[in-house]
N, C-alpha and C. Protein backbone atom coordinates (compact mmCIF):
# COMPACT_ATOMS: atom_id res chain seq x y z
N MET A 1 0.74 -1.38 0.18
CA MET A 1 -0.03 -0.23 0.12
C MET A 1 0.72 1.27 0.49
N LEU A 2 2.06 1.36 0.72
CA LEU A 2 2.91 2.31 0.63
C LEU A 2 3.06 2.98 -1.00
N LYS A 3 3.52 1.91 -1.72
CA LYS A 3 3.40 2.31 -3.35
C LYS A 3 2.41 3.11 -3.66
N LEU A 4 0.98 2.99 -3.48
CA LEU A 4 0.18 3.20 -3.84
C LEU A 4 -0.15 4.64 -3.26
N GLU A 5 0.38 4.71 -2.07
CA GLU A 5 0.00 6.24 -1.21
C GLU A 5 1.47 6.92 -1.90
N LYS A 6 2.56 6.57 -2.28
CA LYS A 6 3.41 7.43 -2.62
C LYS A 6 3.14 8.10 -4.55
N ALA A 7 2.24 6.83 -5.24
CA ALA A 7 2.11 7.43 -6.20
C ALA A 7 0.64 8.71 -6.15
N MET A 8 -0.18 8.26 -5.10
CA MET A 8 -1.13 9.29 -4.96
C MET A 8 -0.64 10.73 -4.32
N GLN A 9 0.48 10.58 -3.64
CA GLN A 9 1.20 12.04 -3.34
C GLN A 9 1.54 12.66 -4.89
N ALA A 10 2.37 11.85 -5.53
CA ALA A 10 3.16 12.06 -6.92
C ALA A 10 1.88 12.81 -7.64
N LEU A 11 0.71 12.26 -7.82
CA LEU A 11 0.04 12.56 -8.37
C LEU A 11 -0.86 14.43 -8.03
N LYS A 12 -0.64 14.04 -6.80
CA LYS A 12 -1.22 15.60 -6.30
C LYS A 12 -0.49 16.75 -6.75
N LYS A 13 1.10 16.07 -7.12
CA LYS A 13 1.84 17.42 -7.01
C LYS A 13 2.19 17.57 -8.38
N GLY A 14 1.57 16.86 -9.07
CA GLY A 14 1.25 16.92 -10.57
C GLY A 14 2.22 16.29 -11.55
N ASP A 15 2.50 15.14 -11.05
CA ASP A 15 3.40 13.82 -11.61
C ASP A 15 2.07 13.03 -12.41
N GLU A 16 2.09 13.25 -13.83
CA GLU A 16 1.08 12.63 -14.42
C GLU A 16 1.40 10.96 -14.84
N THR A 17 2.72 10.31 -14.73
CA THR A 17 3.22 9.47 -14.43
C THR A 17 2.44 8.29 -13.53
N ALA A 18 2.28 9.18 -12.29
CA ALA A 18 1.99 8.57 -11.05
C ALA A 18 0.53 7.90 -11.33
N PHE A 19 -0.31 8.24 -12.12
CA PHE A 19 -1.81 8.01 -12.53
C PHE A 19 -1.43 6.42 -13.17
N LEU A 20 -0.75 6.06 -14.26
CA LEU A 20 -0.48 4.87 -14.73
C LEU A 20 0.02 4.23 -13.50
N GLU A 21 0.80 4.29 -12.65
CA GLU A 21 0.85 3.10 -11.49
C GLU A 21 -0.02 3.12 -10.61
N ILE A 22 -1.13 4.18 -10.48
CA ILE A 22 -2.43 4.03 -9.60
C ILE A 22 -3.02 3.25 -10.40
N TYR A 23 -3.62 3.04 -11.89
CA TYR A 23 -4.29 2.57 -12.29
C TYR A 23 -3.59 1.35 -12.67
N GLN A 24 -2.36 0.77 -12.59
CA GLN A 24 -1.62 -0.44 -12.81
C GLN A 24 -2.27 -1.34 -11.39
N THR A 25 -1.86 -0.50 -10.76
CA THR A 25 -2.02 -0.88 -8.97
C THR A 25 -3.53 -1.47 -8.72
N THR A 26 -4.63 -1.08 -9.32
CA THR A 26 -5.93 -0.99 -8.90
C THR A 26 -6.96 -1.31 -9.66
N HIS A 27 -6.51 -1.22 -11.29
CA HIS A 27 -7.71 -1.69 -11.97
C HIS A 27 -8.27 -3.14 -11.92
N ARG A 28 -7.50 -4.35 -11.57
CA ARG A 28 -7.80 -5.60 -11.17
C ARG A 28 -9.23 -5.61 -9.92
N LEU A 29 -8.92 -4.54 -9.06
CA LEU A 29 -9.85 -4.47 -8.06
C LEU A 29 -10.80 -3.95 -8.42
N VAL A 30 -10.81 -2.64 -8.72
CA VAL A 30 -11.99 -1.84 -9.68
C VAL A 30 -12.64 -2.81 -10.34
N TYR A 31 -12.32 -3.78 -11.42
CA TYR A 31 -13.01 -4.47 -12.15
C TYR A 31 -13.81 -5.75 -11.21
N TYR A 32 -13.09 -6.47 -10.40
CA TYR A 32 -13.62 -7.35 -9.72
C TYR A 32 -15.04 -6.97 -8.66
N THR A 33 -14.42 -5.68 -8.06
CA THR A 33 -15.54 -5.26 -7.15
C THR A 33 -16.66 -4.82 -8.00
N VAL A 34 -16.70 -4.29 -9.19
CA VAL A 34 -17.57 -3.81 -9.84
C VAL A 34 -18.60 -5.09 -10.08
N TYR A 35 -17.69 -6.24 -10.81
CA TYR A 35 -18.08 -7.15 -11.49
C TYR A 35 -19.25 -8.11 -10.42
N GLN A 36 -18.75 -8.04 -8.68
CA GLN A 36 -19.50 -8.36 -7.69
C GLN A 36 -20.80 -7.93 -7.47
N ILE A 37 -20.83 -6.44 -7.83
CA ILE A 37 -21.97 -5.63 -8.06
C ILE A 37 -23.09 -6.01 -8.99
N LEU A 38 -22.25 -5.84 -9.95
CA LEU A 38 -22.93 -6.00 -11.59
C LEU A 38 -23.43 -7.35 -12.05
N LYS A 39 -22.51 -8.52 -11.79
CA LYS A 39 -22.60 -9.85 -12.34
C LYS A 39 -22.65 -9.73 -13.87
N ASP A 40 -21.75 -8.65 -14.45
CA ASP A 40 -21.95 -8.74 -16.21
C ASP A 40 -20.50 -8.01 -16.31
N SER A 41 -19.61 -9.04 -17.08
CA SER A 41 -18.27 -8.77 -17.12
C SER A 41 -18.13 -7.79 -18.06
N GLU A 42 -18.89 -7.79 -19.25
CA GLU A 42 -18.71 -6.13 -20.45
C GLU A 42 -19.34 -4.94 -19.45
N LEU A 43 -20.26 -5.27 -19.09
CA LEU A 43 -20.62 -3.86 -18.14
C LEU A 43 -19.29 -3.58 -17.15
N SER A 44 -18.86 -4.85 -16.34
CA SER A 44 -17.88 -4.41 -15.79
C SER A 44 -16.46 -3.46 -16.15
N LYS A 45 -16.13 -4.08 -17.14
CA LYS A 45 -15.00 -3.50 -18.27
C LYS A 45 -15.51 -2.30 -18.59
N ASP A 46 -16.85 -2.01 -19.05
CA ASP A 46 -17.26 -0.99 -19.34
C ASP A 46 -17.09 0.32 -18.23
N PHE A 47 -17.22 -0.18 -17.34
CA PHE A 47 -17.24 0.83 -16.07
C PHE A 47 -16.04 1.28 -15.75
N LYS A 48 -15.30 0.20 -15.75
CA LYS A 48 -13.67 0.52 -15.44
C LYS A 48 -13.09 1.42 -16.21
N PHE A 49 -13.54 1.23 -17.65
CA PHE A 49 -12.74 1.79 -18.78
C PHE A 49 -13.59 3.48 -18.80
N SER A 50 -14.59 3.48 -18.04
CA SER A 50 -15.12 4.72 -18.55
C SER A 50 -14.53 5.44 -17.76
N GLY A 51 -14.35 5.36 -16.34
CA GLY A 51 -13.76 6.52 -15.44
C GLY A 51 -15.34 6.94 -14.62
N SER A 52 -16.10 6.46 -14.72
CA SER A 52 -17.60 6.40 -13.67
C SER A 52 -17.21 6.35 -12.42
C-alpha cells in the first residue's frame, strides 16, 4: 500500500506518470468489485474504462 500512497502523493503534485502507477495497481480490484455488484463482465469492463 505504501507504493500506492506514494503514487497518490506524486499525482497530487502534478506527476502525470503517477496515474499509470495507480491504474496498474488498482484496475483489477476495480473490475472485480464492480463485477461483484453488476454480475456482468462486459458492463464491468465498460465501467472500469469509462472513468465513472
